[in-house]
Amino acid sequence: MPPSAKQARLLKLYAEMAREGYATTDGLHIDNAFNDMEIRAFRDHLLPLFRRFGVTSLLDYGCGGSDYDRPGFSADGRSARDFFGLDRVHRFEPARGLDQRQPADAVVCFDVLEHVFIADLPATVRELFSLAGRLLVVNVACYPARALLPTGENAHVTVRPPHWWKGLFDAVAVEFPQVSILLLCSTGWHQVQGFALWSAQDWLDHPDFVIAG
């Protein structure tokens, strides 16, 4: 499903921000835009999860400037590829014209969905599931950004509470029961509400009809 006209316009604005930087809510201008490797903050939590699911291939959906081969990702100086034991890493960043989308054992999506226009979210979440062979890890911000779009609007265009996001993922998960999901909702700077790892297959295998969520 192609993006809506609003999402297409947003992608052009994000590309402009990646090239030229962006203004902030406190009146500054940031030149080095979208270069943080967001997965770094969760590396020690994700490592045992990747091992549990036998993850050797990864798609970083909305990777920004992440470089999985750059030394210094881990405390002992290893790259992210070496730290996670990955054979293949693929990246997707439309704001930088980078598109290596293809199926992988795991898909990670950090600080991306809050930048997607609300009408395009179901299709985007469905694409995340469709590319994940075993595991989908998502971090979404549930608060306004410091960054502003070139239009002056907040760069987090879809701000919703954690359980809103959980409901969205629950609704799509039923189409992909083989995929386990870890949803991490940031409610503030370094404040995260995480949901227990789940899959729709867990619901189908459960002996009861009433499933706690």
C-alpha atoms as a PDB file:
ATOM      1  CA  MET A   1       0.000   0.000   0.000  1.00  0.00           C
ATOM      2  CA  PRO A   2       1.584   3.329  -1.018  1.00  0.00           C
ATOM      3  CA  PRO A   3       1.975   6.030   1.622  1.00  0.00           C
ATOM      4  CA  SER A   4      -0.648   8.714   1.938  1.00  0.00           C
ATOM      5  CA  ALA A   5       0.026  12.151   0.486  1.00  0.00           C
ATOM      6  CA  LYS A   6       0.674  13.422   4.009  1.00  0.00           C
ATOM      7  CA  GLN A   7       3.229  10.694   4.714  1.00  0.00           C
ATOM      8  CA  ALA A   8       4.956  11.350   1.397  1.00  0.00           C
ATOM      9  CA  ARG A   9       5.213  15.018   2.367  1.00  0.00           C
ATOM     10  CA  LEU A  10       6.555  14.066   5.801  1.00  0.00           C
ATOM     11  CA  LEU A  11       9.273  11.915   4.225  1.00  0.00           C
ATOM     12  CA  LYS A  12      10.417  14.921   2.192  1.00  0.00           C
ATOM     13  CA  LEU A  13      10.518  17.038   5.356  1.00  0.00           C
ATOM     14  CA  TYR A  14      12.568  14.412   7.220  1.00  0.00           C
ATOM     15  CA  ALA A  15      14.966  14.198   4.287  1.00  0.00           C
ATOM     16  CA  GLU A  16      15.362  17.976   4.449  1.00  0.00           C
ATOM     17  CA  MET A  17      16.090  17.740   8.183  1.00  0.00           C
ATOM     18  CA  ALA A  18      18.691  15.013   7.591  1.00  0.00           C
ATOM     19  CA  ARG A  19      20.456  17.240   5.047  1.00  0.00           C
ATOM     20  CA  GLU A  20      20.149  20.643   6.691  1.00  0.00           C
ATOM     21  CA  GLY A  21      19.495  19.991  10.375  1.00  0.00           C
ATOM     22  CA  TYR A  22      16.484  21.143  12.331  1.00  0.00           C
ATOM     23  CA  ALA A  23      15.232  23.714  14.830  1.00  0.00           C
ATOM     24  CA  THR A  24      14.340  22.722  18.389  1.00  0.00           C
ATOM     25  CA  THR A  25      11.616  23.719  20.794  1.00  0.00           C
ATOM     26  CA  ASP A  26      14.183  25.673  22.844  1.00  0.00           C
ATOM     27  CA  GLY A  27      15.326  27.806  19.917  1.00  0.00           C
ATOM     28  CA  LEU A  28      18.496  25.974  18.898  1.00  0.00           C
ATOM     29  CA  HIS A  29      19.529  24.544  15.542  1.00  0.00           C
ATOM     30  CA  ILE A  30      20.894  20.999  15.378  1.00  0.00           C
ATOM     31  CA  ASP A  31      23.126  20.367  12.370  1.00  0.00           C
ATOM     32  CA  ASN A  32      23.876  16.676  12.943  1.00  0.00           C
ATOM     33  CA  ALA A  33      20.419  15.170  12.530  1.00  0.00           C
ATOM     34  CA  PHE A  34      19.249  11.577  13.041  1.00  0.00           C
ATOM     35  CA  ASN A  35      22.703  10.103  13.624  1.00  0.00           C
ATOM     36  CA  ASP A  36      22.240   8.474  17.025  1.00  0.00           C
ATOM     37  CA  MET A  37      22.343   4.677  17.144  1.00  0.00           C
ATOM     38  CA  GLU A  38      19.189   4.299  19.213  1.00  0.00           C
ATOM     39  CA  ILE A  39      19.594   0.555  19.715  1.00  0.00           C
ATOM     40  CA  ARG A  40      22.702   1.150  21.835  1.00  0.00           C
ATOM     41  CA  ALA A  41      20.671   2.036  24.946  1.00  0.00           C
ATOM     42  CA  PHE A  42      18.977  -1.390  24.819  1.00  0.00           C
ATOM     43  CA  ARG A  43      21.947  -3.523  23.755  1.00  0.00           C
ATOM     44  CA  ASP A  44      22.371  -5.486  27.007  1.00  0.00           C
ATOM     45  CA  HIS A  45      18.660  -6.279  27.125  1.00  0.00           C
ATOM     46  CA  LEU A  46      18.526  -7.347  23.479  1.00  0.00           C
ATOM     47  CA  LEU A  47      21.621  -9.557  23.422  1.00  0.00           C
ATOM     48  CA  PRO A  48      20.086 -12.497  25.356  1.00  0.00           C
ATOM     49  CA  LEU A  49      16.864 -12.093  23.376  1.00  0.00           C
ATOM     50  CA  PHE A  50      18.729 -12.324  20.068  1.00  0.00           C
ATOM     51  CA  ARG A  51      20.525 -15.425  21.331  1.00  0.00           C
ATOM     52  CA  ARG A  52      17.256 -16.993  22.471  1.00  0.00           C
ATOM     53  CA  PHE A  53      15.720 -16.561  19.007  1.00  0.00           C
ATOM     54  CA  GLY A  54      18.899 -17.499  17.126  1.00  0.00           C
ATOM     55  CA  VAL A  55      19.079 -14.137  15.384  1.00  0.00           C
ATOM     56  CA  THR A  56      21.856 -13.963  12.797  1.00  0.00           C
ATOM     57  CA  SER A  57      20.211 -11.538  10.347  1.00  0.00           C
ATOM     58  CA  LEU A  58      18.772  -8.146  11.224  1.00  0.00           C
ATOM     59  CA  LEU A  59      16.816  -5.377   9.530  1.00  0.00           C
ATOM     60  CA  ASP A  60      17.045  -1.959  11.186  1.00  0.00           C
ATOM     61  CA  TYR A  61      13.882  -0.204  10.004  1.00  0.00           C
ATOM     62  CA  GLY A  62      14.445   3.547  10.273  1.00  0.00           C
ATOM     63  CA  CYS A  63      18.116   3.217  11.135  1.00  0.00           C
ATOM     64  CA  GLY A  64      19.098   6.893  10.933  1.00  0.00           C
ATOM     65  CA  GLY A  65      22.870   7.024  10.714  1.00  0.00           C
ATOM     66  CA  SER A  66      23.452   3.700  12.483  1.00  0.00           C
ATOM     67  CA  ASP A  67      26.627   1.891  11.442  1.00  0.00           C
ATOM     68  CA  TYR A  68      26.730  -1.712  12.624  1.00  0.00           C
ATOM     69  CA  ASP A  69      30.376  -2.135  11.618  1.00  0.00           C
ATOM     70  CA  ARG A  70      31.735   0.872  13.493  1.00  0.00           C
ATOM     71  CA  PRO A  71      33.875  -0.042  16.538  1.00  0.00           C
ATOM     72  CA  GLY A  72      32.839   1.271  19.945  1.00  0.00           C
ATOM     73  CA  PHE A  73      29.267   0.054  20.135  1.00  0.00           C
ATOM     74  CA  SER A  74      29.889  -2.189  23.147  1.00  0.00           C
ATOM     75  CA  ALA A  75      31.712  -1.434  26.371  1.00  0.00           C
ATOM     76  CA  ASP A  76      34.683  -3.486  25.171  1.00  0.00           C
ATOM     77  CA  GLY A  77      34.863  -1.619  21.855  1.00  0.00           C
ATOM     78  CA  ARG A  78      33.216  -4.120  19.526  1.00  0.00           C
ATOM     79  CA  SER A  79      30.944  -3.143  16.668  1.00  0.00           C
ATOM     80  CA  ALA A  80      27.207  -3.796  16.899  1.00  0.00           C
ATOM     81  CA  ARG A  81      27.533  -6.572  14.324  1.00  0.00           C
ATOM     82  CA  ASP A  82      30.142  -8.347  16.451  1.00  0.00           C
ATOM     83  CA  PHE A  83      28.363  -7.640  19.744  1.00  0.00           C
ATOM     84  CA  PHE A  84      25.125  -9.242  18.542  1.00  0.00           C
ATOM     85  CA  GLY A  85      26.846 -11.969  16.492  1.00  0.00           C
ATOM     86  CA  LEU A  86      25.144 -10.983  13.227  1.00  0.00           C
ATOM     87  CA  ASP A  87      25.991 -12.443   9.843  1.00  0.00           C
ATOM     88  CA  ARG A  88      23.797 -10.031   7.877  1.00  0.00           C
ATOM     89  CA  VAL A  89      22.610  -6.498   8.650  1.00  0.00           C
ATOM     90  CA  HIS A  90      20.182  -4.586   6.433  1.00  0.00           C
ATOM     91  CA  ARG A  91      19.147  -0.964   6.910  1.00  0.00           C
ATOM     92  CA  PHE A  92      16.233   1.171   5.858  1.00  0.00           C
ATOM     93  CA  GLU A  93      16.250   4.951   6.205  1.00  0.00           C
ATOM     94  CA  PRO A  94      14.022   6.794   3.732  1.00  0.00           C
ATOM     95  CA  ALA A  95      15.223  10.191   4.961  1.00  0.00           C
ATOM     96  CA  ARG A  96      18.676   9.247   3.640  1.00  0.00           C
ATOM     97  CA  GLY A  97      17.581   7.350   0.523  1.00  0.00           C
ATOM     98  CA  LEU A  98      18.747   4.053   2.024  1.00  0.00           C
ATOM     99  CA  ASP A  99      16.547   1.040   1.289  1.00  0.00           C
ATOM    100  CA  GLN A 100      17.818  -2.477   2.021  1.00  0.00           C
ATOM    101  CA  ARG A 101      14.450  -3.814   3.156  1.00  0.00           C
ATOM    102  CA  GLN A 102      14.285  -7.590   3.073  1.00  0.00           C
ATOM    103  CA  PRO A 103      13.181 -10.351   5.448  1.00  0.00           C
ATOM    104  CA  ALA A 104      15.439 -11.050   8.426  1.00  0.00           C
ATOM    105  CA  ASP A 105      15.374 -13.132  11.592  1.00  0.00           C
ATOM    106  CA  ALA A 106      14.710  -9.956  13.572  1.00  0.00           C
ATOM    107  CA  VAL A 107      13.456  -6.497  12.724  1.00  0.00           C
ATOM    108  CA  VAL A 108      14.248  -3.589  15.036  1.00  0.00           C
ATOM    109  CA  CYS A 109      12.473  -0.243  14.814  1.00  0.00           C
ATOM    110  CA  PHE A 110      13.618   2.440  17.244  1.00  0.00           C
ATOM    111  CA  ASP A 111      12.130   5.941  17.485  1.00  0.00           C
ATOM    112  CA  VAL A 112      10.407   5.696  14.119  1.00  0.00           C
ATOM    113  CA  LEU A 113       6.661   5.126  14.434  1.00  0.00           C
ATOM    114  CA  GLU A 114       5.967   8.387  16.247  1.00  0.00           C
ATOM    115  CA  HIS A 115       7.238  10.078  13.062  1.00  0.00           C
ATOM    116  CA  VAL A 116       4.649   8.315  10.888  1.00  0.00           C
ATOM    117  CA  PHE A 117       1.349   9.972  10.006  1.00  0.00           C
ATOM    118  CA  ILE A 118      -1.431   8.246  11.933  1.00  0.00           C
ATOM    119  CA  ALA A 119      -3.347   7.043   8.864  1.00  0.00           C
ATOM    120  CA  ASP A 120      -0.218   5.241   7.627  1.00  0.00           C
ATOM    121  CA  LEU A 121       0.575   3.415  10.852  1.00  0.00           C
ATOM    122  CA  PRO A 122      -1.419   0.196  10.244  1.00  0.00           C
ATOM    123  CA  ALA A 123       0.340  -0.395   6.918  1.00  0.00           C
ATOM    124  CA  THR A 124       3.733   0.437   8.438  1.00  0.00           C
ATOM    125  CA  VAL A 125       3.255  -1.921  11.381  1.00  0.00           C
ATOM    126  CA  ARG A 126       2.045  -4.645   9.020  1.00  0.00           C
ATOM    127  CA  GLU A 127       5.217  -4.210   6.957  1.00  0.00           C
ATOM    128  CA  LEU A 128       7.358  -4.572  10.095  1.00  0.00           C
ATOM    129  CA  PHE A 129       5.679  -7.889  10.873  1.00  0.00           C
ATOM    130  CA  SER A 130       5.943  -9.102   7.283  1.00  0.00           C
ATOM    131  CA  LEU A 131       9.726  -8.622   7.287  1.00  0.00           C
ATOM    132  CA  ALA A 132      10.352 -10.254  10.676  1.00  0.00           C
ATOM    133  CA  GLY A 133      10.982 -13.986  10.580  1.00  0.00           C
ATOM    134  CA  ARG A 134      10.991 -14.585  14.319  1.00  0.00           C
ATOM    135  CA  LEU A 135      11.319 -11.406  16.348  1.00  0.00           C
ATOM    136  CA  LEU A 136      10.138  -7.795  16.160  1.00  0.00           C
ATOM    137  CA  VAL A 137      11.533  -5.213  18.592  1.00  0.00           C
ATOM    138  CA  VAL A 138       9.968  -1.757  18.608  1.00  0.00           C
ATOM    139  CA  ASN A 139      10.682   1.331  20.672  1.00  0.00           C
ATOM    140  CA  VAL A 140       8.243   4.199  20.239  1.00  0.00           C
ATOM    141  CA  ALA A 141       8.244   7.607  21.923  1.00  0.00           C
ATOM    142  CA  CYS A 142       5.001   8.627  23.623  1.00  0.00           C
ATOM    143  CA  TYR A 143       5.867  12.282  24.214  1.00  0.00           C
ATOM    144  CA  PRO A 144       6.564  15.370  22.042  1.00  0.00           C
ATOM    145  CA  ALA A 145       9.992  15.711  20.481  1.00  0.00           C
ATOM    146  CA  ARG A 146      12.527  18.445  20.993  1.00  0.00           C
ATOM    147  CA  ALA A 147      12.890  18.560  17.205  1.00  0.00           C
ATOM    148  CA  LEU A 148      10.583  20.609  15.017  1.00  0.00           C
ATOM    149  CA  LEU A 149       9.604  19.929  11.438  1.00  0.00           C
ATOM    150  CA  PRO A 150      10.487  22.650   8.891  1.00  0.00           C
ATOM    151  CA  THR A 151       6.787  23.557   9.067  1.00  0.00           C
ATOM    152  CA  GLY A 152       7.157  24.383  12.775  1.00  0.00           C
ATOM    153  CA  GLU A 153       5.105  21.390  13.906  1.00  0.00           C
ATOM    154  CA  ASN A 154       6.514  18.885  16.372  1.00  0.00           C
ATOM    155  CA  ALA A 155       8.543  16.115  14.742  1.00  0.00           C
ATOM    156  CA  HIS A 156       6.664  13.477  16.750  1.00  0.00           C
ATOM    157  CA  VAL A 157       3.531  13.712  14.654  1.00  0.00           C
ATOM    158  CA  THR A 158       1.738  10.792  16.334  1.00  0.00           C
ATOM    159  CA  VAL A 159       1.946  10.935  20.121  1.00  0.00           C
ATOM    160  CA  ARG A 160      -0.206   8.326  21.841  1.00  0.00           C
ATOM    161  CA  PRO A 161      -0.052   6.486  25.216  1.00  0.00           C
ATOM    162  CA  PRO A 162       1.627   3.070  25.538  1.00  0.00           C
ATOM    163  CA  HIS A 163      -1.579   1.008  25.566  1.00  0.00           C
ATOM    164  CA  TRP A 164      -2.730   2.669  22.339  1.00  0.00           C
ATOM    165  CA  TRP A 165       0.410   1.313  20.680  1.00  0.00           C
ATOM    166  CA  LYS A 166      -0.068  -2.088  22.329  1.00  0.00           C
ATOM    167  CA  GLY A 167      -3.577  -2.269  20.878  1.00  0.00           C
ATOM    168  CA  LEU A 168      -2.294  -1.445  17.402  1.00  0.00           C
ATOM    169  CA  PHE A 169       0.333  -4.192  17.573  1.00  0.00           C
ATOM    170  CA  ASP A 170      -2.147  -6.686  19.022  1.00  0.00           C
ATOM    171  CA  ALA A 171      -4.520  -6.052  16.129  1.00  0.00           C
ATOM    172  CA  VAL A 172      -1.864  -6.731  13.482  1.00  0.00           C
ATOM    173  CA  ALA A 173      -0.119  -9.568  15.361  1.00  0.00           C
ATOM    174  CA  VAL A 174      -2.979 -11.967  14.645  1.00  0.00           C
ATOM    175  CA  GLU A 175      -1.927 -11.972  10.988  1.00  0.00           C
ATOM    176  CA  PHE A 176       1.633 -13.037  11.903  1.00  0.00           C
ATOM    177  CA  PRO A 177       1.356 -15.524  14.785  1.00  0.00           C
ATOM    178  CA  GLN A 178       4.899 -16.812  14.285  1.00  0.00           C
ATOM    179  CA  VAL A 179       6.443 -13.415  15.163  1.00  0.00           C
ATOM    180  CA  SER A 180       7.213 -12.557  18.789  1.00  0.00           C
ATOM    181  CA  ILE A 181       7.018  -8.880  19.700  1.00  0.00           C
ATOM    182  CA  LEU A 182       8.865  -6.804  22.253  1.00  0.00           C
ATOM    183  CA  LEU A 183       7.238  -3.380  22.521  1.00  0.00           C
ATOM    184  CA  LEU A 184       9.073  -0.672  24.479  1.00  0.00           C
ATOM    185  CA  CYS A 185       7.246   2.625  24.926  1.00  0.00           C
ATOM    186  CA  SER A 186       9.298   5.623  26.020  1.00  0.00           C
ATOM    187  CA  THR A 187       7.144   7.861  28.199  1.00  0.00           C
ATOM    188  CA  GLY A 188       9.952  10.394  28.770  1.00  0.00           C
ATOM    189  CA  TRP A 189      13.701  10.786  28.412  1.00  0.00           C
ATOM    190  CA  HIS A 190      15.194   7.475  29.661  1.00  0.00           C
ATOM    191  CA  GLN A 191      11.760   6.383  30.938  1.00  0.00           C
ATOM    192  CA  VAL A 192      10.432   3.215  29.341  1.00  0.00           C
ATOM    193  CA  GLN A 193       7.259   1.203  29.796  1.00  0.00           C
ATOM    194  CA  GLY A 194       7.842  -2.246  28.358  1.00  0.00           C
ATOM    195  CA  PHE A 195       5.310  -4.952  27.607  1.00  0.00           C
ATOM    196  CA  ALA A 196       6.092  -8.617  28.146  1.00  0.00           C
ATOM    197  CA  LEU A 197       7.256 -10.446  25.032  1.00  0.00           C
ATOM    198  CA  TRP A 198       4.243 -11.939  23.226  1.00  0.00           C
ATOM    199  CA  SER A 199       3.024 -13.470  20.011  1.00  0.00           C
ATOM    200  CA  ALA A 200      -0.429 -14.248  18.656  1.00  0.00           C
ATOM    201  CA  GLN A 201       0.564 -17.906  18.733  1.00  0.00           C
ATOM    202  CA  ASP A 202       0.671 -17.611  22.526  1.00  0.00           C
ATOM    203  CA  TRP A 203      -3.015 -16.655  22.448  1.00  0.00           C
ATOM    204  CA  LEU A 204      -3.913 -19.499  20.090  1.00  0.00           C
ATOM    205  CA  ASP A 205      -2.090 -22.042  22.276  1.00  0.00           C
ATOM    206  CA  HIS A 206      -3.587 -20.754  25.535  1.00  0.00           C
ATOM    207  CA  PRO A 207      -6.198 -23.091  27.053  1.00  0.00           C
ATOM    208  CA  ASP A 208      -8.558 -20.222  27.969  1.00  0.00           C
ATOM    209  CA  PHE A 209     -10.548 -17.678  26.006  1.00  0.00           C
ATOM    210  CA  VAL A 210      -9.835 -14.692  28.268  1.00  0.00           C
ATOM    211  CA  ILE A 211      -6.265 -13.506  27.649  1.00  0.00           C
ATOM    212  CA  ALA A 212      -4.728 -10.781  29.807  1.00  0.00           C
ATOM    213  CA  GLY A 213      -3.033  -8.037  27.841  1.00  0.00           C
END
